[in-house]
Amino acid sequence: MSRLQGRAGFSLVELLISIIIISIGIVGFATAVGLMATELWFGLRDTELSMLVADQVSELKATGASNVTPGSRVQGDYQIDWTIETTKPTRMKVVVTYNGHDGNQRADTIIAHIPE
């Protein structure tokens, strides 16, 4: 009988190639999961910022243009500052500062007008 006649299964080279291909897939998947986690963090931060700014703008608009004054407050990890310009209509600048994931301080600014 010939040694080639009953041969079945994979050779060592085929097995190594399969392992390399699977390893590349796993590394790609792990990279995608890391990027997804970072993007989710950015999305959460942006949502929190939007809600904080919207709440602050609503509060100031409810106060009325003649009664609103500049100020600031801290909400969690965010510092919210607002300034008022005496234009017609009253112009309000709301700045939210926070520490980014890299440790550097960042700021987002919203300009709104308070009706008279």
PDB file of N, CA and C in Angstrom:
ATOM      1  N   MET A   1       0.827  -1.193   0.000  1.00  0.00           N
ATOM      2  CA  MET A   1       0.000   0.000   0.000  1.00  0.00           C
ATOM      3  C   MET A   1       0.856   1.235   0.000  1.00  0.00           C
ATOM      4  N   SER A   2       0.383   2.176  -0.705  1.00  0.00           N
ATOM      5  CA  SER A   2       1.093   3.438  -0.809  1.00  0.00           C
ATOM      6  C   SER A   2       0.746   4.314   0.389  1.00  0.00           C
ATOM      7  N   ARG A   3       1.656   5.122   0.800  1.00  0.00           N
ATOM      8  CA  ARG A   3       1.434   6.026   1.936  1.00  0.00           C
ATOM      9  C   ARG A   3       0.432   7.122   1.586  1.00  0.00           C
ATOM     10  N   LEU A   4       0.244   7.426   0.318  1.00  0.00           N
ATOM     11  CA  LEU A   4      -0.653   8.500  -0.082  1.00  0.00           C
ATOM     12  C   LEU A   4      -2.105   8.044  -0.150  1.00  0.00           C
ATOM     13  N   GLN A   5      -2.341   6.741  -0.209  1.00  0.00           N
ATOM     14  CA  GLN A   5      -3.704   6.279  -0.407  1.00  0.00           C
ATOM     15  C   GLN A   5      -4.591   6.529   0.811  1.00  0.00           C
ATOM     16  N   GLY A   6      -4.391   6.340   1.904  1.00  0.00           N
ATOM     17  CA  GLY A   6      -5.319   6.540   3.012  1.00  0.00           C
ATOM     18  C   GLY A   6      -5.105   7.849   3.741  1.00  0.00           C
ATOM     19  N   ARG A   7      -4.436   8.761   3.117  1.00  0.00           N
ATOM     20  CA  ARG A   7      -4.076  10.021   3.785  1.00  0.00           C
ATOM     21  C   ARG A   7      -5.281  10.952   3.884  1.00  0.00           C
ATOM     22  N   ALA A   8      -5.552  11.443   5.082  1.00  0.00           N
ATOM     23  CA  ALA A   8      -6.648  12.385   5.293  1.00  0.00           C
ATOM     24  C   ALA A   8      -6.198  13.433   6.300  1.00  0.00           C
ATOM     25  N   GLY A   9      -6.895  14.574   6.338  1.00  0.00           N
ATOM     26  CA  GLY A   9      -6.562  15.621   7.292  1.00  0.00           C
ATOM     27  C   GLY A   9      -5.781  16.759   6.659  1.00  0.00           C
ATOM     28  N   PHE A  10      -5.263  17.615   7.527  1.00  0.00           N
ATOM     29  CA  PHE A  10      -4.543  18.797   7.077  1.00  0.00           C
ATOM     30  C   PHE A  10      -3.054  18.612   7.291  1.00  0.00           C
ATOM     31  N   SER A  11      -2.288  19.278   6.455  1.00  0.00           N
ATOM     32  CA  SER A  11      -0.842  19.277   6.676  1.00  0.00           C
ATOM     33  C   SER A  11      -0.504  20.382   7.667  1.00  0.00           C
ATOM     34  N   LEU A  12       0.690  20.353   8.168  1.00  0.00           N
ATOM     35  CA  LEU A  12       1.139  21.357   9.127  1.00  0.00           C
ATOM     36  C   LEU A  12       1.136  22.752   8.509  1.00  0.00           C
ATOM     37  N   VAL A  13       1.504  22.876   7.250  1.00  0.00           N
ATOM     38  CA  VAL A  13       1.516  24.174   6.566  1.00  0.00           C
ATOM     39  C   VAL A  13       0.104  24.722   6.448  1.00  0.00           C
ATOM     40  N   GLU A  14      -0.852  23.882   6.094  1.00  0.00           N
ATOM     41  CA  GLU A  14      -2.244  24.335   5.991  1.00  0.00           C
ATOM     42  C   GLU A  14      -2.764  24.797   7.349  1.00  0.00           C
ATOM     43  N   LEU A  15      -2.408  24.079   8.378  1.00  0.00           N
ATOM     44  CA  LEU A  15      -2.825  24.462   9.732  1.00  0.00           C
ATOM     45  C   LEU A  15      -2.225  25.802  10.138  1.00  0.00           C
ATOM     46  N   LEU A  16      -0.946  26.029   9.857  1.00  0.00           N
ATOM     47  CA  LEU A  16      -0.298  27.307  10.193  1.00  0.00           C
ATOM     48  C   LEU A  16      -0.920  28.462   9.418  1.00  0.00           C
ATOM     49  N   ILE A  17      -1.220  28.257   8.148  1.00  0.00           N
ATOM     50  CA  ILE A  17      -1.864  29.313   7.350  1.00  0.00           C
ATOM     51  C   ILE A  17      -3.239  29.638   7.923  1.00  0.00           C
ATOM     52  N   SER A  18      -3.987  28.629   8.323  1.00  0.00           N
ATOM     53  CA  SER A  18      -5.306  28.863   8.931  1.00  0.00           C
ATOM     54  C   SER A  18      -5.189  29.665  10.220  1.00  0.00           C
ATOM     55  N   ILE A  19      -4.216  29.321  11.041  1.00  0.00           N
ATOM     56  CA  ILE A  19      -4.013  30.048  12.302  1.00  0.00           C
ATOM     57  C   ILE A  19      -3.643  31.497  12.036  1.00  0.00           C
ATOM     58  N   ILE A  20      -2.814  31.768  11.050  1.00  0.00           N
ATOM     59  CA  ILE A  20      -2.435  33.143  10.712  1.00  0.00           C
ATOM     60  C   ILE A  20      -3.647  33.937  10.245  1.00  0.00           C
ATOM     61  N   ILE A  21      -4.468  33.344   9.396  1.00  0.00           N
ATOM     62  CA  ILE A  21      -5.662  34.039   8.892  1.00  0.00           C
ATOM     63  C   ILE A  21      -6.627  34.341  10.039  1.00  0.00           C
ATOM     64  N   ILE A  22      -6.841  33.388  10.922  1.00  0.00           N
ATOM     65  CA  ILE A  22      -7.727  33.610  12.073  1.00  0.00           C
ATOM     66  C   ILE A  22      -7.151  34.678  12.999  1.00  0.00           C
ATOM     67  N   SER A  23      -5.844  34.674  13.206  1.00  0.00           N
ATOM     68  CA  SER A  23      -5.202  35.688  14.061  1.00  0.00           C
ATOM     69  C   SER A  23      -5.389  37.087  13.500  1.00  0.00           C
ATOM     70  N   ILE A  24      -5.248  37.236  12.189  1.00  0.00           N
ATOM     71  CA  ILE A  24      -5.456  38.547  11.560  1.00  0.00           C
ATOM     72  C   ILE A  24      -6.897  39.001  11.778  1.00  0.00           C
ATOM     73  N   GLY A  25      -7.851  38.091  11.662  1.00  0.00           N
ATOM     74  CA  GLY A  25      -9.256  38.432  11.904  1.00  0.00           C
ATOM     75  C   GLY A  25      -9.502  38.859  13.337  1.00  0.00           C
ATOM     76  N   ILE A  26      -8.893  38.177  14.281  1.00  0.00           N
ATOM     77  CA  ILE A  26      -9.067  38.522  15.702  1.00  0.00           C
ATOM     78  C   ILE A  26      -8.466  39.886  16.004  1.00  0.00           C
ATOM     79  N   VAL A  27      -7.299  40.169  15.460  1.00  0.00           N
ATOM     80  CA  VAL A  27      -6.671  41.483  15.675  1.00  0.00           C
ATOM     81  C   VAL A  27      -7.542  42.585  15.073  1.00  0.00           C
ATOM     82  N   GLY A  28      -8.083  42.354  13.879  1.00  0.00           N
ATOM     83  CA  GLY A  28      -8.982  43.339  13.269  1.00  0.00           C
ATOM     84  C   GLY A  28     -10.227  43.569  14.100  1.00  0.00           C
ATOM     85  N   PHE A  29     -10.789  42.501  14.639  1.00  0.00           N
ATOM     86  CA  PHE A  29     -11.974  42.620  15.478  1.00  0.00           C
ATOM     87  C   PHE A  29     -11.665  43.394  16.758  1.00  0.00           C
ATOM     88  N   ALA A  30     -10.537  43.095  17.385  1.00  0.00           N
ATOM     89  CA  ALA A  30     -10.154  43.796  18.618  1.00  0.00           C
ATOM     90  C   ALA A  30      -9.946  45.283  18.357  1.00  0.00           C
ATOM     91  N   THR A  31      -9.353  45.618  17.230  1.00  0.00           N
ATOM     92  CA  THR A  31      -9.157  47.029  16.866  1.00  0.00           C
ATOM     93  C   THR A  31     -10.503  47.721  16.681  1.00  0.00           C
ATOM     94  N   ALA A  32     -11.430  47.047  16.004  1.00  0.00           N
ATOM     95  CA  ALA A  32     -12.755  47.632  15.782  1.00  0.00           C
ATOM     96  C   ALA A  32     -13.485  47.856  17.100  1.00  0.00           C
ATOM     97  N   VAL A  33     -13.358  46.935  18.038  1.00  0.00           N
ATOM     98  CA  VAL A  33     -14.012  47.088  19.345  1.00  0.00           C
ATOM     99  C   VAL A  33     -13.416  48.276  20.098  1.00  0.00           C
ATOM    100  N   GLY A  34     -12.100  48.448  20.023  1.00  0.00           N
ATOM    101  CA  GLY A  34     -11.461  49.596  20.680  1.00  0.00           C
ATOM    102  C   GLY A  34     -11.924  50.913  20.094  1.00  0.00           C
ATOM    103  N   LEU A  35     -12.002  50.984  18.772  1.00  0.00           N
ATOM    104  CA  LEU A  35     -12.483  52.214  18.124  1.00  0.00           C
ATOM    105  C   LEU A  35     -13.941  52.477  18.467  1.00  0.00           C
ATOM    106  N   MET A  36     -14.730  51.426  18.525  1.00  0.00           N
ATOM    107  CA  MET A  36     -16.142  51.585  18.862  1.00  0.00           C
ATOM    108  C   MET A  36     -16.296  52.129  20.284  1.00  0.00           C
ATOM    109  N   ALA A  37     -15.501  51.634  21.215  1.00  0.00           N
ATOM    110  CA  ALA A  37     -15.576  52.114  22.591  1.00  0.00           C
ATOM    111  C   ALA A  37     -15.223  53.595  22.672  1.00  0.00           C
ATOM    112  N   THR A  38     -14.207  54.014  21.920  1.00  0.00           N
ATOM    113  CA  THR A  38     -13.818  55.423  21.902  1.00  0.00           C
ATOM    114  C   THR A  38     -14.935  56.283  21.320  1.00  0.00           C
ATOM    115  N   GLU A  39     -15.525  55.848  20.227  1.00  0.00           N
ATOM    116  CA  GLU A  39     -16.607  56.615  19.609  1.00  0.00           C
ATOM    117  C   GLU A  39     -17.831  56.683  20.522  1.00  0.00           C
ATOM    118  N   LEU A  40     -18.116  55.608  21.249  1.00  0.00           N
ATOM    119  CA  LEU A  40     -19.223  55.644  22.204  1.00  0.00           C
ATOM    120  C   LEU A  40     -18.962  56.655  23.313  1.00  0.00           C
ATOM    121  N   TRP A  41     -17.713  56.739  23.778  1.00  0.00           N
ATOM    122  CA  TRP A  41     -17.368  57.719  24.805  1.00  0.00           C
ATOM    123  C   TRP A  41     -17.572  59.134  24.272  1.00  0.00           C
ATOM    124  N   PHE A  42     -17.123  59.381  23.030  1.00  0.00           N
ATOM    125  CA  PHE A  42     -17.324  60.705  22.428  1.00  0.00           C
ATOM    126  C   PHE A  42     -18.813  61.013  22.304  1.00  0.00           C
ATOM    127  N   GLY A  43     -19.597  60.038  21.903  1.00  0.00           N
ATOM    128  CA  GLY A  43     -21.037  60.240  21.769  1.00  0.00           C
ATOM    129  C   GLY A  43     -21.697  60.558  23.093  1.00  0.00           C
ATOM    130  N   LEU A  44     -21.297  59.856  24.142  1.00  0.00           N
ATOM    131  CA  LEU A  44     -21.841  60.131  25.475  1.00  0.00           C
ATOM    132  C   LEU A  44     -21.480  61.537  25.924  1.00  0.00           C
ATOM    133  N   ARG A  45     -20.221  61.919  25.727  1.00  0.00           N
ATOM    134  CA  ARG A  45     -19.776  63.251  26.127  1.00  0.00           C
ATOM    135  C   ARG A  45     -20.532  64.322  25.345  1.00  0.00           C
ATOM    136  N   ASP A  46     -20.677  64.136  24.039  1.00  0.00           N
ATOM    137  CA  ASP A  46     -21.385  65.126  23.232  1.00  0.00           C
ATOM    138  C   ASP A  46     -22.851  65.238  23.636  1.00  0.00           C
ATOM    139  N   THR A  47     -23.461  64.120  23.981  1.00  0.00           N
ATOM    140  CA  THR A  47     -24.859  64.148  24.432  1.00  0.00           C
ATOM    141  C   THR A  47     -24.986  64.896  25.755  1.00  0.00           C
ATOM    142  N   GLU A  48     -24.080  64.612  26.688  1.00  0.00           N
ATOM    143  CA  GLU A  48     -24.102  65.327  27.968  1.00  0.00           C
ATOM    144  C   GLU A  48     -23.920  66.822  27.764  1.00  0.00           C
ATOM    145  N   LEU A  49     -22.971  67.196  26.893  1.00  0.00           N
ATOM    146  CA  LEU A  49     -22.735  68.618  26.630  1.00  0.00           C
ATOM    147  C   LEU A  49     -23.974  69.275  26.034  1.00  0.00           C
ATOM    148  N   SER A  50     -24.585  68.624  25.073  1.00  0.00           N
ATOM    149  CA  SER A  50     -25.780  69.192  24.434  1.00  0.00           C
ATOM    150  C   SER A  50     -26.896  69.397  25.435  1.00  0.00           C
ATOM    151  N   MET A  51     -27.091  68.417  26.309  1.00  0.00           N
ATOM    152  CA  MET A  51     -28.155  68.539  27.302  1.00  0.00           C
ATOM    153  C   MET A  51     -27.857  69.648  28.304  1.00  0.00           C
ATOM    154  N   LEU A  52     -26.604  69.736  28.753  1.00  0.00           N
ATOM    155  CA  LEU A  52     -26.240  70.790  29.709  1.00  0.00           C
ATOM    156  C   LEU A  52     -26.437  72.171  29.101  1.00  0.00           C
ATOM    157  N   VAL A  53     -25.974  72.344  27.876  1.00  0.00           N
ATOM    158  CA  VAL A  53     -26.101  73.652  27.219  1.00  0.00           C
ATOM    159  C   VAL A  53     -27.564  73.985  26.976  1.00  0.00           C
ATOM    160  N   ALA A  54     -28.332  73.017  26.510  1.00  0.00           N
ATOM    161  CA  ALA A  54     -29.756  73.270  26.260  1.00  0.00           C
ATOM    162  C   ALA A  54     -30.477  73.649  27.545  1.00  0.00           C
ATOM    163  N   ASP A  55     -30.172  72.960  28.641  1.00  0.00           N
ATOM    164  CA  ASP A  55     -30.789  73.304  29.928  1.00  0.00           C
ATOM    165  C   ASP A  55     -30.405  74.709  30.374  1.00  0.00           C
ATOM    166  N   GLN A  56     -29.108  75.046  30.235  1.00  0.00           N
ATOM    167  CA  GLN A  56     -28.647  76.364  30.659  1.00  0.00           C
ATOM    168  C   GLN A  56     -29.274  77.465  29.813  1.00  0.00           C
ATOM    169  N   VAL A  57     -29.335  77.260  28.522  1.00  0.00           N
ATOM    170  CA  VAL A  57     -29.947  78.259  27.633  1.00  0.00           C
ATOM    171  C   VAL A  57     -31.426  78.426  27.971  1.00  0.00           C
ATOM    172  N   SER A  58     -32.115  77.318  28.221  1.00  0.00           N
ATOM    173  CA  SER A  58     -33.540  77.401  28.586  1.00  0.00           C
ATOM    174  C   SER A  58     -33.748  78.174  29.886  1.00  0.00           C
ATOM    175  N   GLU A  59     -32.897  77.894  30.876  1.00  0.00           N
ATOM    176  CA  GLU A  59     -32.998  78.629  32.149  1.00  0.00           C
ATOM    177  C   GLU A  59     -32.807  80.122  31.939  1.00  0.00           C
ATOM    178  N   LEU A  60     -31.785  80.477  31.157  1.00  0.00           N
ATOM    179  CA  LEU A  60     -31.498  81.898  30.946  1.00  0.00           C
ATOM    180  C   LEU A  60     -32.593  82.572  30.129  1.00  0.00           C
ATOM    181  N   LYS A  61     -33.127  81.872  29.150  1.00  0.00           N
ATOM    182  CA  LYS A  61     -34.226  82.453  28.366  1.00  0.00           C
ATOM    183  C   LYS A  61     -35.464  82.647  29.225  1.00  0.00           C
ATOM    184  N   ALA A  62     -35.704  81.715  30.161  1.00  0.00           N
ATOM    185  CA  ALA A  62     -36.864  81.838  31.044  1.00  0.00           C
ATOM    186  C   ALA A  62     -36.719  83.017  31.995  1.00  0.00           C
ATOM    187  N   THR A  63     -35.475  83.385  32.325  1.00  0.00           N
ATOM    188  CA  THR A  63     -35.222  84.521  33.204  1.00  0.00           C
ATOM    189  C   THR A  63     -35.636  85.823  32.540  1.00  0.00           C
ATOM    190  N   GLY A  64     -35.492  85.894  31.227  1.00  0.00           N
ATOM    191  CA  GLY A  64     -35.828  87.113  30.498  1.00  0.00           C
ATOM    192  C   GLY A  64     -34.596  87.941  30.238  1.00  0.00           C
ATOM    193  N   ALA A  65     -34.602  88.640  29.128  1.00  0.00           N
ATOM    194  CA  ALA A  65     -33.432  89.399  28.695  1.00  0.00           C
ATOM    195  C   ALA A  65     -33.035  90.483  29.688  1.00  0.00           C
ATOM    196  N   SER A  66     -33.991  91.107  30.339  1.00  0.00           N
ATOM    197  CA  SER A  66     -33.659  92.210  31.241  1.00  0.00           C
ATOM    198  C   SER A  66     -33.117  91.713  32.590  1.00  0.00           C
ATOM    199  N   ASN A  67     -33.376  90.475  32.955  1.00  0.00           N
ATOM    200  CA  ASN A  67     -32.965  89.957  34.265  1.00  0.00           C
ATOM    201  C   ASN A  67     -31.756  89.040  34.226  1.00  0.00           C
ATOM    202  N   VAL A  68     -31.332  88.635  33.058  1.00  0.00           N
ATOM    203  CA  VAL A  68     -30.244  87.666  32.972  1.00  0.00           C
ATOM    204  C   VAL A  68     -28.899  88.344  33.217  1.00  0.00           C
ATOM    205  N   THR A  69     -28.028  87.667  33.954  1.00  0.00           N
ATOM    206  CA  THR A  69     -26.704  88.207  34.266  1.00  0.00           C
ATOM    207  C   THR A  69     -25.645  87.151  33.937  1.00  0.00           C
ATOM    208  N   PRO A  70     -24.420  87.594  33.680  1.00  0.00           N
ATOM    209  CA  PRO A  70     -23.351  86.626  33.421  1.00  0.00           C
ATOM    210  C   PRO A  70     -23.116  85.744  34.647  1.00  0.00           C
ATOM    211  N   GLY A  71     -22.596  84.562  34.418  1.00  0.00           N
ATOM    212  CA  GLY A  71     -22.332  83.682  35.544  1.00  0.00           C
ATOM    213  C   GLY A  71     -21.642  82.399  35.122  1.00  0.00           C
ATOM    214  N   SER A  72     -21.545  81.496  36.075  1.00  0.00           N
ATOM    215  CA  SER A  72     -20.940  80.199  35.785  1.00  0.00           C
ATOM    216  C   SER A  72     -21.419  79.192  36.817  1.00  0.00           C
ATOM    217  N   ARG A  73     -21.267  77.926  36.487  1.00  0.00           N
ATOM    218  CA  ARG A  73     -21.576  76.858  37.421  1.00  0.00           C
ATOM    219  C   ARG A  73     -20.811  75.613  36.996  1.00  0.00           C
ATOM    220  N   VAL A  74     -20.663  74.698  37.939  1.00  0.00           N
ATOM    221  CA  VAL A  74     -19.996  73.429  37.669  1.00  0.00           C
ATOM    222  C   VAL A  74     -21.050  72.337  37.715  1.00  0.00           C
ATOM    223  N   GLN A  75     -21.054  71.498  36.711  1.00  0.00           N
ATOM    224  CA  GLN A  75     -21.981  70.369  36.649  1.00  0.00           C
ATOM    225  C   GLN A  75     -21.163  69.120  36.330  1.00  0.00           C
ATOM    226  N   GLY A  76     -20.930  68.293  37.324  1.00  0.00           N
ATOM    227  CA  GLY A  76     -20.117  67.093  37.113  1.00  0.00           C
ATOM    228  C   GLY A  76     -18.698  67.462  36.717  1.00  0.00           C
ATOM    229  N   ASP A  77     -18.266  66.970  35.574  1.00  0.00           N
ATOM    230  CA  ASP A  77     -16.920  67.253  35.065  1.00  0.00           C
ATOM    231  C   ASP A  77     -16.875  68.490  34.175  1.00  0.00           C
ATOM    232  N   TYR A  78     -17.975  69.204  34.079  1.00  0.00           N
ATOM    233  CA  TYR A  78     -18.075  70.319  33.136  1.00  0.00           C
ATOM    234  C   TYR A  78     -18.182  71.660  33.867  1.00  0.00           C
ATOM    235  N   GLN A  79     -17.480  72.648  33.347  1.00  0.00           N
ATOM    236  CA  GLN A  79     -17.567  74.032  33.831  1.00  0.00           C
ATOM    237  C   GLN A  79     -18.379  74.793  32.789  1.00  0.00           C
ATOM    238  N   ILE A  80     -19.483  75.389  33.209  1.00  0.00           N
ATOM    239  CA  ILE A  80     -20.360  76.128  32.295  1.00  0.00           C
ATOM    240  C   ILE A  80     -20.261  77.604  32.628  1.00  0.00           C
ATOM    241  N   ASP A  81     -19.839  78.412  31.662  1.00  0.00           N
ATOM    242  CA  ASP A  81     -19.750  79.868  31.822  1.00  0.00           C
ATOM    243  C   ASP A  81     -20.635  80.512  30.766  1.00  0.00           C
ATOM    244  N   TRP A  82     -21.295  81.612  31.130  1.00  0.00           N
ATOM    245  CA  TRP A  82     -22.078  82.337  30.143  1.00  0.00           C
ATOM    246  C   TRP A  82     -21.864  83.816  30.303  1.00  0.00           C
ATOM    247  N   THR A  83     -21.835  84.486  29.166  1.00  0.00           N
ATOM    248  CA  THR A  83     -21.704  85.943  29.129  1.00  0.00           C
ATOM    249  C   THR A  83     -22.905  86.502  28.378  1.00  0.00           C
ATOM    250  N   ILE A  84     -23.205  87.744  28.666  1.00  0.00           N
ATOM    251  CA  ILE A  84     -24.367  88.403  28.075  1.00  0.00           C
ATOM    252  C   ILE A  84     -23.898  89.673  27.378  1.00  0.00           C
ATOM    253  N   GLU A  85     -24.358  89.866  26.150  1.00  0.00           N
ATOM    254  CA  GLU A  85     -24.073  91.102  25.422  1.00  0.00           C
ATOM    255  C   GLU A  85     -25.375  91.880  25.269  1.00  0.00           C
ATOM    256  N   THR A  86     -25.298  93.163  25.479  1.00  0.00           N
ATOM    257  CA  THR A  86     -26.506  93.996  25.416  1.00  0.00           C
ATOM    258  C   THR A  86     -26.760  94.438  23.987  1.00  0.00           C
ATOM    259  N   THR A  87     -27.089  93.498  23.166  1.00  0.00           N
ATOM    260  CA  THR A  87     -27.497  93.798  21.792  1.00  0.00           C
ATOM    261  C   THR A  87     -28.998  93.551  21.716  1.00  0.00           C
ATOM    262  N   LYS A  88     -29.579  93.909  20.626  1.00  0.00           N
ATOM    263  CA  LYS A  88     -31.018  93.664  20.428  1.00  0.00           C
ATOM    264  C   LYS A  88     -31.175  92.654  19.315  1.00  0.00           C
ATOM    265  N   PRO A  89     -31.648  91.445  19.548  1.00  0.00           N
ATOM    266  CA  PRO A  89     -31.978  90.847  20.838  1.00  0.00           C
ATOM    267  C   PRO A  89     -30.719  90.529  21.635  1.00  0.00           C
ATOM    268  N   THR A  90     -30.895  90.305  22.923  1.00  0.00           N
ATOM    269  CA  THR A  90     -29.769  90.040  23.813  1.00  0.00           C
ATOM    270  C   THR A  90     -29.036  88.780  23.358  1.00  0.00           C
ATOM    271  N   ARG A  91     -27.723  88.919  23.216  1.00  0.00           N
ATOM    272  CA  ARG A  91     -26.897  87.802  22.751  1.00  0.00           C
ATOM    273  C   ARG A  91     -26.249  87.139  23.958  1.00  0.00           C
ATOM    274  N   MET A  92     -26.332  85.800  23.996  1.00  0.00           N
ATOM    275  CA  MET A  92     -25.785  85.043  25.102  1.00  0.00           C
ATOM    276  C   MET A  92     -24.771  84.040  24.548  1.00  0.00           C
ATOM    277  N   LYS A  93     -23.620  83.986  25.214  1.00  0.00           N
ATOM    278  CA  LYS A  93     -22.571  83.047  24.814  1.00  0.00           C
ATOM    279  C   LYS A  93     -22.374  82.066  25.958  1.00  0.00           C
ATOM    280  N   VAL A  94     -22.600  80.776  25.702  1.00  0.00           N
ATOM    281  CA  VAL A  94     -22.443  79.731  26.713  1.00  0.00           C
ATOM    282  C   VAL A  94     -21.237  78.883  26.321  1.00  0.00           C
ATOM    283  N   VAL A  95     -20.257  78.798  27.232  1.00  0.00           N
ATOM    284  CA  VAL A  95     -19.032  78.032  26.983  1.00  0.00           C
ATOM    285  C   VAL A  95     -18.950  76.911  28.016  1.00  0.00           C
ATOM    286  N   VAL A  96     -18.805  75.689  27.532  1.00  0.00           N
ATOM    287  CA  VAL A  96     -18.642  74.531  28.413  1.00  0.00           C
ATOM    288  C   VAL A  96     -17.207  74.035  28.257  1.00  0.00           C
ATOM    289  N   THR A  97     -16.465  73.991  29.354  1.00  0.00           N
ATOM    290  CA  THR A  97     -15.090  73.484  29.310  1.00  0.00           C
ATOM    291  C   THR A  97     -15.025  72.155  30.068  1.00  0.00           C
ATOM    292  N   TYR A  98     -14.157  71.300  29.593  1.00  0.00           N
ATOM    293  CA  TYR A  98     -14.006  69.972  30.179  1.00  0.00           C
ATOM    294  C   TYR A  98     -12.632  69.429  29.815  1.00  0.00           C
ATOM    295  N   ASN A  99     -12.212  68.399  30.514  1.00  0.00           N
ATOM    296  CA  ASN A  99     -10.952  67.738  30.202  1.00  0.00           C
ATOM    297  C   ASN A  99     -11.214  66.614  29.214  1.00  0.00           C
ATOM    298  N   GLY A 100     -10.488  66.627  28.108  1.00  0.00           N
ATOM    299  CA  GLY A 100     -10.625  65.589  27.101  1.00  0.00           C
ATOM    300  C   GLY A 100     -10.020  64.283  27.569  1.00  0.00           C
ATOM    301  N   HIS A 101     -10.202  63.227  26.788  1.00  0.00           N
ATOM    302  CA  HIS A 101      -9.666  61.915  27.160  1.00  0.00           C
ATOM    303  C   HIS A 101      -8.142  61.902  27.172  1.00  0.00           C
ATOM    304  N   ASP A 102      -7.530  62.880  26.494  1.00  0.00           N
ATOM    305  CA  ASP A 102      -6.070  62.971  26.478  1.00  0.00           C
ATOM    306  C   ASP A 102      -5.536  63.858  27.605  1.00  0.00           C
ATOM    307  N   GLY A 103      -6.431  64.385  28.455  1.00  0.00           N
ATOM    308  CA  GLY A 103      -6.025  65.213  29.579  1.00  0.00           C
ATOM    309  C   GLY A 103      -5.979  66.701  29.270  1.00  0.00           C
ATOM    310  N   ASN A 104      -6.085  67.079  28.004  1.00  0.00           N
ATOM    311  CA  ASN A 104      -6.076  68.496  27.629  1.00  0.00           C
ATOM    312  C   ASN A 104      -7.458  69.096  27.842  1.00  0.00           C
ATOM    313  N   GLN A 105      -7.483  70.378  28.207  1.00  0.00           N
ATOM    314  CA  GLN A 105      -8.762  71.050  28.418  1.00  0.00           C
ATOM    315  C   GLN A 105      -9.363  71.435  27.070  1.00  0.00           C
ATOM    316  N   ARG A 106     -10.648  71.193  26.920  1.00  0.00           N
ATOM    317  CA  ARG A 106     -11.364  71.493  25.687  1.00  0.00           C
ATOM    318  C   ARG A 106     -12.567  72.371  26.027  1.00  0.00           C
ATOM    319  N   ALA A 107     -13.102  73.037  25.005  1.00  0.00           N
ATOM    320  CA  ALA A 107     -14.262  73.902  25.221  1.00  0.00           C
ATOM    321  C   ALA A 107     -15.193  73.836  24.015  1.00  0.00           C
ATOM    322  N   ASP A 108     -16.477  73.852  24.293  1.00  0.00           N
ATOM    323  CA  ASP A 108     -17.510  73.956  23.260  1.00  0.00           C
ATOM    324  C   ASP A 108     -18.284  75.234  23.543  1.00  0.00           C
ATOM    325  N   THR A 109     -18.612  75.966  22.490  1.00  0.00           N
ATOM    326  CA  THR A 109     -19.281  77.264  22.634  1.00  0.00           C
ATOM    327  C   THR A 109     -20.595  77.267  21.866  1.00  0.00           C
ATOM    328  N   ILE A 110     -21.628  77.826  22.489  1.00  0.00           N
ATOM    329  CA  ILE A 110     -22.932  77.994  21.862  1.00  0.00           C
ATOM    330  C   ILE A 110     -23.313  79.466  21.984  1.00  0.00           C
ATOM    331  N   ILE A 111     -23.794  80.028  20.888  1.00  0.00           N
ATOM    332  CA  ILE A 111     -24.307  81.398  20.896  1.00  0.00           C
ATOM    333  C   ILE A 111     -25.835  81.314  20.751  1.00  0.00           C
ATOM    334  N   ALA A 112     -26.542  81.993  21.631  1.00  0.00           N
ATOM    335  CA  ALA A 112     -28.012  82.013  21.576  1.00  0.00           C
ATOM    336  C   ALA A 112     -28.480  83.445  21.777  1.00  0.00           C
ATOM    337  N   HIS A 113     -29.696  83.709  21.346  1.00  0.00           N
ATOM    338  CA  HIS A 113     -30.312  85.030  21.532  1.00  0.00           C
ATOM    339  C   HIS A 113     -31.521  84.898  22.428  1.00  0.00           C
ATOM    340  N   ILE A 114     -31.662  85.849  23.347  1.00  0.00           N
ATOM    341  CA  ILE A 114     -32.808  85.865  24.261  1.00  0.00           C
ATOM    342  C   ILE A 114     -33.796  86.886  23.726  1.00  0.00           C
ATOM    343  N   PRO A 115     -34.999  86.466  23.424  1.00  0.00           N
ATOM    344  CA  PRO A 115     -35.973  87.432  22.913  1.00  0.00           C
ATOM    345  C   PRO A 115     -36.329  88.475  23.967  1.00  0.00           C
ATOM    346  N   GLU A 116     -36.660  89.659  23.501  1.00  0.00           N
ATOM    347  CA  GLU A 116     -37.017  90.754  24.421  1.00  0.00           C
ATOM    348  C   GLU A 116     -38.370  90.530  25.029  1.00  0.00           C
TER     349      GLU A 116
END
